[in-house]
């Protein structure tokens, strides 16, 4: 089992500082793991999130709605969608009632990619936690926010 004190060879003035740094350190570790996982699929974790949002919506939705639903609120969401569009994983649809609004839909290729990813996707980043510990961790993180 990891110990942040040993991992970064440091001591902390108190447990709250240690916990905060541990959250940041762990978030970066998870991000790195996700980047490595998605690289062979040619997308980023943020792009995967966009595809899942679109699949879950079940219909075209506007860019603002996608941004609001993203786990990691990326200021570059439009650029992420540009890349997904270039890969033909999403389509942009003009809104007939308002030319300023663009709706986004997932393509069949995007759905197929999500299906392929789900075959390899493992939620084992938390394999060392019991269901109860995972619930407690989630509750504590909610409490922080």
Foldseek 3Di string as FASTA:
>chain_A
DDDVCVVVVHDDPDDVVSVVVVVVVVVVVVLVVQQVLCVVVPAHPQLLLLLVVQVVVVDWDWPVVSLVPGPDNDPCSVVSVVVCVVVVQKDWDADPVDRVIITIHGDPVVVVSNVVSVVVDDPCVCVVDDPVRVVVVVVVVVVVD
